[in-house]
Amino acid sequence: MNDEGLKLATGIISDVYLRNARDALKRVETAVHSLVSQRRIPDDGWSDELIEHVLHHLSLMDSNNYVGNVGVGEREGRVYSTIVKRRHYGMSHGIGRSGDLTANQPKAAGSSLVYSLCNLLVADALRLAGAKRTAAAVVVPMATGMALSLVLQTLPAVVEQPGEDDPKRPLTKKRWVIWSRIDQKTCLKCIYTAGYEAKVVPLVREGDFFVTDVKGIEAAIEECGAGNVGCVLTTTSCFAPRLPDKILEVARVCKAKGVPHVVNNAYGVQSVKIMRQLDAAMEHGRVDAYIQSGDKNFMVPVGGSVIGTPTPAFLQKVSSLYAGRASSSSVFDIFITLLSLGRSGFKALLDERTSCTEYFHSEMAKFAASKSERLLTSPANDISFCMTIDTISGTPALGSALFNHCVSGPRVVQVGANKAICGIPFKNYGSHSDETDYSYLTLACAIGIQREDIDTFMKRLEKEWTKIAKKEKKKGKE
């Protein structure tokens, strides 16, 4: 109710009560006004009631919710189930138009405003996390792998040749994506889905860890020919003992060679260290786009991802390539979450994760020492770490035992597992390198984890490890 409506209520209820109500409504107006004018995450998180009030209000701006509206087209936002309608706050037109993901919809001003604001908020979140040179970002309704593929398809795909104005000239398609090895199927499949072939650059071993072969990437560009390379694809967040790629050094190489550079930042937003490296890479080298998961960084259901870039024009090309309209589910999830967190809440989550990482390392170091194992940690990878499994032979049993006792996330990796992905053979698949010579348990300290989770995990790990060790000891005596 606006001021005019409140004036009309004078005499129906007490003026004192109306003044209090007016003040309360003004606070709502101020919050919404600040959001739309400042176009960034609010300093403090909003209440659930305020968020739902705003969403219901915006839903009235979509044509399917107009009072007296009659729809006679093929898509009029009709929803049969009341449950489904409530789940989407009555906004059923989705996002984008047939030719552009970020285009406003004539029938859905409310949904379009939510999407535009969400993209502004998520760009603010990326800058807040450390990538200050992020000029723009967009939420796409697909998980990280398909978002990577969409970005790769947006890159210039044809080798530049003389006579570009001749429509009959033969076209030579760029063939290669130079890829720093990471043993995660999606990272490789996205290259072939986009129509490229992967030129795999193995990692270099440094002690127990595996790092980017920057010279190898440069040599691969020379071997393939810069004009035949769609991009270099690097990865930040990853499972130990792999370390995040040296994206600043690679960015400098790409800038010098005139080759696009795409970064798979799957769950890197939660690491200030990674985001600052991304920022430096954007400042001193070349980064065309970086892609991150919605669920892994913003604690929302699986289904959406975020594409960030220092070049808004590139992001517009990505949005224009997307075919058709899109679901707004992942947009609502991230929009609501960022409003609920506020800047202070988001920073608190990042700080809590950092604190928990130190605690987790400390507890695992004690455990490893008690079992004559080695805990492998590196400052370069502040999300994932691993522990050797040398003193028990029932390595696979440990992973299944933990999962069967409600522990999700840990991965047991054994050497000697060879596998072919997209027709490319890999030795020791899962460990990121042909040279891996130890089996290990890898863990992650991700956003949202709490000390209680770590304490419970440590108890269950001790229990299951002891069981396996006893079985092996008994078996050895028989």
Protein backbone atom coordinates (compact mmCIF):
# COMPACT_ATOMS: atom_id res chain seq x y z
CA MET A 1 0.00 0.00 0.00
CA ASN A 2 1.35 3.44 -0.95
CA ASP A 3 0.98 6.78 0.88
CA GLU A 4 -2.26 7.60 -0.90
CA GLY A 5 -3.81 4.33 0.17
CA LEU A 6 -2.71 4.89 3.75
CA LYS A 7 -4.30 8.35 3.76
CA LEU A 8 -7.57 6.82 2.64
CA ALA A 9 -7.37 4.47 5.61
CA THR A 10 -7.40 7.43 8.01
CA GLY A 11 -10.42 7.13 10.23
CA ILE A 12 -10.74 3.41 9.66
CA ILE A 13 -7.88 2.63 12.04
CA SER A 14 -5.85 4.76 14.44
CA ASP A 15 -3.46 7.37 12.97
CA VAL A 16 -0.78 6.12 15.33
CA TYR A 17 -1.03 2.65 13.88
CA LEU A 18 -0.98 4.03 10.36
CA ARG A 19 2.20 5.99 11.08
CA ASN A 20 3.88 2.84 12.35
CA ALA A 21 2.69 0.92 9.31
CA ARG A 22 3.90 3.70 7.00
CA ASP A 23 7.36 3.55 8.60
CA ALA A 24 7.49 -0.21 8.17
CA LEU A 25 6.49 0.03 4.51
CA LYS A 26 9.03 2.80 3.95
CA ARG A 27 11.77 0.49 5.17
CA VAL A 28 10.70 -2.04 2.55
CA GLU A 29 10.68 0.67 -0.12
CA THR A 30 14.13 1.85 0.94
CA ALA A 31 15.57 -1.65 0.72
CA VAL A 32 14.15 -2.21 -2.77
CA HIS A 33 15.19 1.27 -3.91
CA SER A 34 18.75 0.65 -2.71
CA LEU A 35 18.90 -2.70 -4.50
CA VAL A 36 17.75 -1.28 -7.84
CA SER A 37 19.80 1.91 -7.64
CA GLN A 38 23.07 0.49 -6.23
CA ARG A 39 22.82 -2.75 -8.22
CA ARG A 40 24.93 -4.75 -5.80
CA ILE A 41 24.45 -7.19 -2.93
CA PRO A 42 22.95 -5.39 0.10
CA ASP A 43 25.34 -4.91 3.00
CA ASP A 44 23.18 -7.00 5.34
CA GLY A 45 21.05 -9.96 4.35
CA TRP A 46 17.32 -9.54 3.86
CA SER A 47 14.72 -11.46 5.82
CA ASP A 48 12.81 -14.25 4.12
CA GLU A 49 9.63 -12.19 4.44
CA LEU A 50 11.16 -9.23 2.62
CA ILE A 51 12.57 -11.40 -0.16
CA GLU A 52 9.25 -13.16 -0.72
CA HIS A 53 7.37 -9.85 -0.62
CA VAL A 54 9.61 -8.46 -3.38
CA LEU A 55 9.33 -11.62 -5.50
CA HIS A 56 5.54 -11.68 -5.24
CA HIS A 57 5.43 -8.00 -6.09
CA LEU A 58 7.66 -8.50 -9.14
CA SER A 59 5.59 -11.46 -10.29
CA LEU A 60 2.64 -9.10 -10.71
CA MET A 61 4.66 -7.42 -13.48
CA ASP A 62 4.49 -10.58 -15.63
CA SER A 63 1.57 -10.77 -18.04
CA ASN A 64 0.31 -14.15 -16.82
CA ASN A 65 -0.40 -12.46 -13.46
CA TYR A 66 -2.08 -9.31 -14.82
CA VAL A 67 -5.57 -8.83 -13.42
CA GLY A 68 -7.99 -9.58 -16.25
CA ASN A 69 -5.32 -10.82 -18.64
CA VAL A 70 -6.41 -13.18 -21.44
CA GLY A 71 -3.71 -15.17 -23.21
CA VAL A 72 -4.39 -16.59 -26.66
CA GLY A 73 -0.85 -17.46 -27.74
CA GLU A 74 1.16 -20.67 -27.60
CA ARG A 75 3.11 -19.64 -24.50
CA GLU A 76 1.08 -17.74 -21.93
CA GLY A 77 2.68 -18.81 -18.67
CA ARG A 78 -0.09 -21.16 -17.65
CA VAL A 79 0.83 -23.49 -14.78
CA TYR A 80 -1.48 -26.35 -13.82
CA SER A 81 -0.05 -27.22 -10.41
CA THR A 82 -0.42 -24.73 -7.58
CA ILE A 83 2.67 -26.23 -5.96
CA VAL A 84 4.73 -25.56 -9.08
CA LYS A 85 3.34 -22.04 -9.35
CA ARG A 86 4.27 -21.27 -5.73
CA ARG A 87 7.74 -22.72 -6.28
CA HIS A 88 8.36 -20.15 -9.00
CA TYR A 89 6.49 -17.29 -7.29
CA GLY A 90 4.10 -17.15 -10.25
CA MET A 91 6.90 -16.22 -12.70
CA SER A 92 6.62 -18.86 -15.40
CA HIS A 93 7.97 -17.18 -18.55
CA GLY A 94 11.59 -18.07 -17.82
CA ILE A 95 14.41 -15.84 -19.02
CA GLY A 96 15.59 -14.51 -22.37
CA ARG A 97 14.06 -14.65 -25.81
CA SER A 98 14.67 -16.98 -28.72
CA GLY A 99 17.68 -14.99 -29.93
CA ASP A 100 19.34 -13.84 -26.71
CA LEU A 101 19.58 -15.22 -23.20
CA THR A 102 19.73 -11.77 -21.57
CA ALA A 103 17.07 -10.05 -23.72
CA ASN A 104 14.09 -8.58 -21.86
CA GLN A 105 10.73 -10.26 -22.37
CA PRO A 106 7.72 -8.09 -23.32
CA LYS A 107 5.41 -10.43 -21.40
CA ALA A 108 7.64 -10.71 -18.34
CA ALA A 109 8.96 -7.41 -17.02
CA GLY A 110 9.19 -8.84 -13.50
CA SER A 111 11.13 -11.95 -14.52
CA SER A 112 13.41 -9.85 -16.73
CA LEU A 113 14.15 -7.50 -13.84
CA VAL A 114 14.96 -10.42 -11.52
CA TYR A 115 17.39 -11.85 -14.08
CA SER A 116 19.09 -8.52 -14.75
CA LEU A 117 19.46 -7.83 -11.04
CA CYS A 118 20.74 -11.37 -10.40
CA ASN A 119 23.48 -10.92 -13.00
CA LEU A 120 24.50 -7.64 -11.38
CA LEU A 121 24.53 -9.22 -7.91
CA VAL A 122 26.57 -12.23 -8.97
CA ALA A 123 29.13 -9.98 -10.69
CA ASP A 124 29.36 -8.07 -7.41
CA ALA A 125 29.89 -11.37 -5.55
CA LEU A 126 32.78 -12.30 -7.87
CA ARG A 127 34.41 -8.93 -7.29
CA LEU A 128 33.79 -9.21 -3.56
CA ALA A 129 35.50 -12.62 -3.56
CA GLY A 130 38.64 -11.10 -5.07
CA ALA A 131 38.24 -10.86 -8.88
CA LYS A 132 37.82 -7.07 -8.89
CA ARG A 133 38.36 -6.72 -12.63
CA THR A 134 35.23 -8.70 -13.43
CA ALA A 135 33.29 -6.30 -15.61
CA ALA A 136 30.21 -8.45 -16.08
CA ALA A 137 28.73 -11.84 -15.27
CA VAL A 138 25.74 -13.89 -16.29
CA VAL A 139 23.93 -16.82 -14.71
CA VAL A 140 23.28 -19.55 -17.25
CA PRO A 141 20.73 -22.35 -16.70
CA MET A 142 23.19 -25.18 -17.19
CA ALA A 143 25.88 -26.77 -15.05
CA THR A 144 29.57 -25.92 -15.38
CA GLY A 145 30.48 -28.39 -18.14
CA MET A 146 27.82 -27.24 -20.59
CA ALA A 147 28.52 -23.60 -19.73
CA LEU A 148 32.17 -24.21 -20.62
CA SER A 149 31.07 -25.76 -23.89
CA LEU A 150 28.85 -22.74 -24.64
CA VAL A 151 31.78 -20.40 -24.04
CA LEU A 152 34.08 -22.48 -26.26
CA GLN A 153 31.50 -22.36 -29.05
CA THR A 154 31.42 -18.58 -28.74
CA LEU A 155 35.13 -18.24 -29.51
CA PRO A 156 36.10 -17.37 -33.10
CA ALA A 157 35.94 -20.80 -34.70
CA VAL A 158 37.25 -20.06 -38.21
CA VAL A 159 40.88 -19.45 -39.14
CA GLU A 160 41.23 -15.94 -40.53
CA GLN A 161 42.02 -16.03 -44.24
CA PRO A 162 42.33 -13.53 -47.10
CA GLY A 163 39.21 -12.80 -49.06
CA GLU A 164 36.81 -12.75 -46.11
CA ASP A 165 34.16 -11.02 -48.25
CA ASP A 166 34.01 -13.95 -50.67
CA PRO A 167 31.10 -16.18 -49.60
CA LYS A 168 32.52 -19.09 -51.64
CA ARG A 169 35.95 -19.08 -50.00
CA PRO A 170 36.89 -22.38 -48.27
CA LEU A 171 36.72 -22.17 -44.48
CA THR A 172 39.23 -23.78 -42.18
CA LYS A 173 37.84 -24.46 -38.72
CA LYS A 174 40.05 -23.98 -35.69
CA ARG A 175 40.82 -27.44 -34.39
CA TRP A 176 42.54 -27.35 -31.03
CA VAL A 177 41.92 -26.47 -27.43
CA ILE A 178 45.18 -26.57 -25.49
CA TRP A 179 44.25 -28.27 -22.22
CA SER A 180 46.27 -28.59 -19.04
CA ARG A 181 45.42 -32.10 -17.82
CA ILE A 182 42.92 -32.53 -15.01
CA ASP A 183 41.28 -35.90 -14.42
CA GLN A 184 37.66 -34.84 -14.43
CA LYS A 185 35.57 -36.09 -17.35
CA THR A 186 33.49 -32.94 -17.79
CA CYS A 187 36.59 -30.81 -18.34
CA LEU A 188 37.49 -32.88 -21.39
CA LYS A 189 34.01 -33.61 -22.71
CA CYS A 190 33.11 -29.92 -22.93
CA ILE A 191 35.91 -29.48 -25.50
CA TYR A 192 34.56 -32.18 -27.82
CA THR A 193 30.96 -31.08 -27.30
CA ALA A 194 32.00 -27.66 -28.62
CA GLY A 195 33.48 -29.27 -31.73
CA TYR A 196 37.17 -29.01 -30.88
CA GLU A 197 39.90 -31.55 -30.19
CA ALA A 198 41.99 -31.47 -27.03
CA LYS A 199 45.75 -31.07 -27.14
CA VAL A 200 46.63 -32.49 -23.73
CA VAL A 201 49.53 -30.89 -21.88
CA PRO A 202 50.68 -33.16 -19.02
CA LEU A 203 51.43 -31.67 -15.63
CA VAL A 204 54.92 -31.39 -14.16
CA ARG A 205 55.73 -33.12 -10.88
CA GLU A 206 57.12 -31.01 -8.05
CA GLY A 207 57.66 -33.19 -4.99
CA ASP A 208 54.36 -34.90 -4.25
CA PHE A 209 52.31 -32.37 -6.23
CA PHE A 210 51.55 -31.76 -9.91
CA VAL A 211 51.70 -28.28 -11.44
CA THR A 212 51.13 -26.53 -14.75
CA ASP A 213 53.69 -27.00 -17.50
CA VAL A 214 53.61 -23.41 -18.77
CA LYS A 215 56.43 -24.03 -21.24
CA GLY A 216 54.55 -27.12 -22.42
CA ILE A 217 51.46 -25.00 -23.11
CA GLU A 218 53.54 -22.50 -25.03
CA ALA A 219 55.14 -25.30 -27.04
CA ALA A 220 51.70 -26.80 -27.80
CA ILE A 221 50.53 -23.45 -29.19
CA GLU A 222 53.60 -23.34 -31.44
CA GLU A 223 53.09 -26.96 -32.53
CA CYS A 224 49.41 -26.47 -33.41
CA GLY A 225 49.82 -22.95 -34.76
CA ALA A 226 48.20 -20.07 -32.87
CA GLY A 227 45.71 -19.54 -35.68
CA ASN A 228 44.46 -23.11 -35.30
CA VAL A 229 43.93 -22.87 -31.54
CA GLY A 230 40.45 -22.04 -30.28
CA CYS A 231 41.76 -21.32 -26.80
CA VAL A 232 43.86 -22.48 -23.90
CA LEU A 233 41.68 -24.05 -21.19
CA THR A 234 43.06 -23.96 -17.65
CA THR A 235 41.61 -25.03 -14.31
CA THR A 236 41.83 -23.39 -10.89
CA SER A 237 39.93 -25.41 -8.27
CA CYS A 238 40.91 -29.08 -8.36
CA PHE A 239 41.49 -32.19 -6.26
CA ALA A 240 44.89 -32.56 -4.61
CA PRO A 241 47.60 -33.56 -5.32
CA ARG A 242 47.00 -31.46 -8.44
CA LEU A 243 47.53 -27.76 -7.83
CA PRO A 244 45.55 -24.95 -9.49
CA ASP A 245 46.96 -24.00 -12.88
CA LYS A 246 49.35 -21.07 -13.01
CA ILE A 247 46.74 -18.89 -14.65
CA LEU A 248 48.72 -15.65 -14.48
CA GLU A 249 51.67 -17.15 -16.33
CA VAL A 250 49.37 -18.83 -18.86
CA ALA A 251 47.42 -15.58 -19.30
CA ARG A 252 50.64 -13.79 -20.19
CA VAL A 253 51.48 -16.47 -22.76
CA CYS A 254 48.00 -16.21 -24.30
CA LYS A 255 48.24 -12.43 -24.50
CA ALA A 256 51.63 -12.64 -26.20
CA LYS A 257 50.45 -15.31 -28.65
CA GLY A 258 47.04 -13.76 -29.36
CA VAL A 259 45.23 -16.90 -28.22
CA PRO A 260 41.98 -16.83 -26.19
CA HIS A 261 42.15 -18.08 -22.61
CA VAL A 262 39.20 -19.70 -20.80
CA VAL A 263 39.40 -20.63 -17.12
CA ASN A 264 37.43 -23.43 -15.49
CA ASN A 265 36.89 -21.96 -12.02
CA ALA A 266 34.40 -24.65 -10.98
CA TYR A 267 34.48 -24.10 -7.21
CA GLY A 268 37.13 -21.39 -7.01
CA VAL A 269 34.91 -18.49 -5.92
CA GLN A 270 35.14 -19.65 -2.31
CA SER A 271 38.94 -19.25 -2.39
CA VAL A 272 40.13 -15.66 -2.05
CA LYS A 273 43.59 -16.84 -3.14
CA ILE A 274 42.26 -18.23 -6.43
CA MET A 275 40.06 -15.21 -7.12
CA ARG A 276 42.96 -12.83 -6.60
CA GLN A 277 45.06 -14.87 -9.01
CA LEU A 278 42.24 -14.60 -11.53
CA ASP A 279 42.18 -10.86 -10.99
CA ALA A 280 45.92 -10.62 -11.62
CA ALA A 281 45.58 -12.76 -14.75
CA MET A 282 42.87 -10.44 -16.09
CA GLU A 283 45.04 -7.40 -15.34
CA HIS A 284 48.39 -8.58 -16.67
CA GLY A 285 47.46 -11.18 -19.27
CA ARG A 286 44.49 -12.49 -21.21
CA VAL A 287 41.38 -14.08 -19.76
CA ASP A 288 38.36 -14.11 -22.05
CA ALA A 289 35.99 -15.76 -19.58
CA TYR A 290 35.96 -17.81 -16.40
CA ILE A 291 33.18 -20.22 -15.45
CA GLN A 292 32.06 -21.38 -12.02
CA SER A 293 29.42 -23.66 -10.57
CA GLY A 294 26.35 -22.21 -8.90
CA ASP A 295 25.86 -24.98 -6.37
CA LYS A 296 29.52 -25.39 -5.39
CA ASN A 297 30.07 -21.70 -4.66
CA PHE A 298 26.70 -20.25 -3.66
CA MET A 299 25.11 -23.19 -1.84
CA VAL A 300 22.12 -23.62 -4.17
CA PRO A 301 20.74 -26.74 -5.93
CA VAL A 302 22.58 -28.07 -8.99
CA GLY A 303 21.52 -26.64 -12.32
CA GLY A 304 23.12 -23.27 -12.91
CA SER A 305 26.55 -21.75 -13.39
CA VAL A 306 28.08 -18.30 -13.65
CA ILE A 307 30.20 -16.93 -16.48
CA GLY A 308 32.41 -13.99 -15.55
CA THR A 309 34.52 -11.83 -17.84
CA PRO A 310 36.56 -8.63 -17.97
CA THR A 311 35.02 -7.99 -21.40
CA PRO A 312 31.22 -7.40 -21.42
CA ALA A 313 31.12 -7.62 -25.24
CA PHE A 314 32.28 -11.25 -25.07
CA LEU A 315 29.54 -12.07 -22.59
CA GLN A 316 26.98 -10.58 -24.95
CA LYS A 317 28.18 -12.96 -27.66
CA VAL A 318 27.76 -15.90 -25.27
CA SER A 319 24.22 -14.81 -24.43
CA SER A 320 23.35 -14.36 -28.11
CA LEU A 321 24.54 -17.87 -28.97
CA TYR A 322 22.22 -19.56 -26.45
CA ALA A 323 19.32 -21.09 -28.38
CA GLY A 324 15.82 -20.35 -27.17
CA ARG A 325 14.43 -19.26 -23.83
CA ALA A 326 15.71 -20.74 -20.59
CA SER A 327 14.57 -21.88 -17.18
CA SER A 328 14.79 -19.29 -14.43
CA SER A 329 15.08 -21.79 -11.55
CA SER A 330 18.82 -21.38 -11.06
CA VAL A 331 18.45 -17.60 -11.37
CA PHE A 332 15.91 -17.45 -8.55
CA ASP A 333 18.09 -19.72 -6.40
CA ILE A 334 21.17 -17.50 -6.67
CA PHE A 335 19.19 -14.23 -6.49
CA ILE A 336 17.41 -15.28 -3.31
CA THR A 337 20.60 -16.64 -1.73
CA LEU A 338 22.65 -13.49 -2.34
CA LEU A 339 19.87 -11.31 -0.95
CA SER A 340 19.58 -13.58 2.07
CA LEU A 341 23.33 -13.56 2.71
CA GLY A 342 24.11 -9.94 2.08
CA ARG A 343 27.72 -8.84 1.69
CA SER A 344 28.43 -9.44 5.36
CA GLY A 345 27.01 -12.98 5.24
CA PHE A 346 28.92 -13.88 2.08
CA LYS A 347 32.19 -12.60 3.55
CA ALA A 348 31.50 -14.50 6.76
CA LEU A 349 31.11 -17.76 4.81
CA LEU A 350 34.42 -17.17 3.02
CA ASP A 351 36.17 -16.42 6.31
CA GLU A 352 34.61 -19.43 8.02
CA ARG A 353 35.83 -21.73 5.27
CA THR A 354 39.37 -20.39 5.61
CA SER A 355 39.28 -20.94 9.36
CA CYS A 356 37.90 -24.45 8.95
CA THR A 357 40.62 -25.30 6.43
CA GLU A 358 43.33 -24.58 8.99
CA TYR A 359 41.50 -26.66 11.58
CA PHE A 360 40.88 -29.53 9.14
CA HIS A 361 44.56 -29.60 8.16
CA SER A 362 45.55 -29.69 11.82
CA GLU A 363 43.21 -32.59 12.68
CA MET A 364 44.18 -34.60 9.60
CA ALA A 365 47.88 -34.03 10.27
CA LYS A 366 47.47 -35.61 13.72
CA PHE A 367 45.56 -38.53 12.26
CA ALA A 368 48.09 -39.09 9.48
CA ALA A 369 50.97 -39.07 11.94
CA SER A 370 49.22 -41.59 14.16
CA LYS A 371 48.84 -43.96 11.20
CA SER A 372 52.35 -43.42 9.77
CA GLU A 373 50.85 -41.72 6.72
CA ARG A 374 51.65 -38.36 5.12
CA LEU A 375 49.26 -35.44 4.85
CA LEU A 376 49.90 -33.56 1.60
CA THR A 377 48.91 -29.91 1.75
CA SER A 378 50.02 -26.95 -0.32
CA PRO A 379 49.32 -23.22 0.09
CA ALA A 380 48.58 -23.16 -3.65
CA ASN A 381 45.52 -25.39 -3.16
CA ASP A 382 43.60 -24.12 -0.15
CA ILE A 383 40.42 -26.09 -0.85
CA SER A 384 41.57 -29.67 -1.42
CA PHE A 385 44.24 -31.77 0.27
CA CYS A 386 45.07 -35.46 0.47
CA MET A 387 46.60 -38.14 2.66
CA THR A 388 48.60 -41.13 1.52
CA ILE A 389 47.20 -44.62 2.08
CA ASP A 390 50.31 -46.77 2.36
CA THR A 391 49.78 -48.70 5.59
CA ILE A 392 46.53 -50.46 4.67
CA SER A 393 46.00 -52.48 1.53
CA GLY A 394 42.20 -52.32 1.60
CA THR A 395 42.17 -48.92 -0.07
CA PRO A 396 38.85 -49.29 -1.94
CA ALA A 397 37.20 -50.57 1.23
CA LEU A 398 37.95 -47.29 3.00
CA GLY A 399 36.03 -45.21 0.49
CA SER A 400 32.97 -47.44 0.51
CA ALA A 401 33.04 -47.78 4.31
CA LEU A 402 33.01 -44.02 4.76
CA PHE A 403 30.17 -43.59 2.29
CA ASN A 404 28.14 -46.37 3.92
CA HIS A 405 28.51 -44.53 7.23
CA CYS A 406 27.11 -41.24 5.90
CA VAL A 407 30.35 -39.56 4.90
CA SER A 408 30.14 -38.04 1.43
CA GLY A 409 32.88 -36.27 -0.49
CA PRO A 410 36.15 -38.15 0.19
CA ARG A 411 37.66 -39.90 -2.80
CA VAL A 412 40.05 -42.81 -2.69
CA VAL A 413 42.42 -42.77 -5.66
CA GLN A 414 44.55 -45.79 -6.53
CA VAL A 415 47.48 -45.76 -8.88
CA GLY A 416 47.32 -47.97 -11.93
CA ALA A 417 43.77 -47.12 -13.01
CA ASN A 418 44.03 -46.55 -16.77
CA LYS A 419 41.10 -45.16 -18.70
CA ALA A 420 40.27 -43.63 -22.08
CA ILE A 421 38.11 -40.48 -22.15
CA CYS A 422 36.90 -39.13 -25.51
CA GLY A 423 39.26 -41.61 -27.14
CA ILE A 424 42.33 -40.29 -25.30
CA PRO A 425 44.15 -42.81 -23.08
CA PHE A 426 45.18 -41.72 -19.58
CA LYS A 427 47.47 -43.54 -17.19
CA ASN A 428 46.67 -43.42 -13.48
CA TYR A 429 43.38 -41.75 -14.30
CA GLY A 430 41.98 -39.85 -11.35
CA SER A 431 45.40 -38.81 -10.06
CA HIS A 432 46.04 -36.23 -12.84
CA SER A 433 49.43 -37.65 -13.89
CA ASP A 434 51.18 -40.66 -15.40
CA GLU A 435 53.86 -40.20 -12.73
CA THR A 436 51.69 -40.66 -9.62
CA ASP A 437 53.21 -43.45 -7.52
CA TYR A 438 51.08 -43.44 -4.37
CA SER A 439 47.43 -44.07 -3.52
CA TYR A 440 45.64 -41.49 -1.45
CA LEU A 441 42.46 -40.17 0.13
CA THR A 442 41.50 -36.71 -1.13
CA LEU A 443 39.26 -34.31 0.78
CA ALA A 444 37.90 -30.80 0.37
CA CYS A 445 37.14 -28.03 2.84
CA ALA A 446 34.35 -26.29 0.94
CA ILE A 447 32.11 -23.34 1.63
CA GLY A 448 29.47 -24.02 4.26
CA ILE A 449 31.47 -26.64 6.16
CA GLN A 450 31.54 -26.28 9.95
CA ARG A 451 33.89 -27.55 12.65
CA GLU A 452 31.21 -29.97 13.82
CA ASP A 453 31.31 -31.61 10.38
CA ILE A 454 35.07 -32.01 10.63
CA ASP A 455 34.92 -33.46 14.15
CA THR A 456 32.27 -36.00 13.14
CA PHE A 457 34.23 -36.98 10.05
CA MET A 458 37.42 -37.50 12.08
CA LYS A 459 35.62 -39.88 14.45
CA ARG A 460 34.17 -41.92 11.60
CA LEU A 461 37.48 -42.01 9.74
CA GLU A 462 39.24 -43.31 12.85
CA LYS A 463 36.58 -45.95 13.36
CA GLU A 464 36.54 -47.25 9.78
CA TRP A 465 40.33 -47.12 9.41
CA THR A 466 40.74 -49.15 12.62
CA LYS A 467 38.23 -51.75 11.41
CA ILE A 468 40.06 -52.23 8.11
CA ALA A 469 43.47 -52.37 9.82
CA LYS A 470 42.23 -55.03 12.26
CA LYS A 471 40.77 -57.14 9.45
CA GLU A 472 44.04 -57.00 7.54
CA LYS A 473 46.05 -57.87 10.65
CA LYS A 474 43.78 -60.85 11.37
CA LYS A 475 43.96 -61.97 7.77
CA GLY A 476 47.75 -61.74 7.87
CA LYS A 477 47.91 -64.14 10.82
CA GLU A 478 45.76 -66.75 9.13
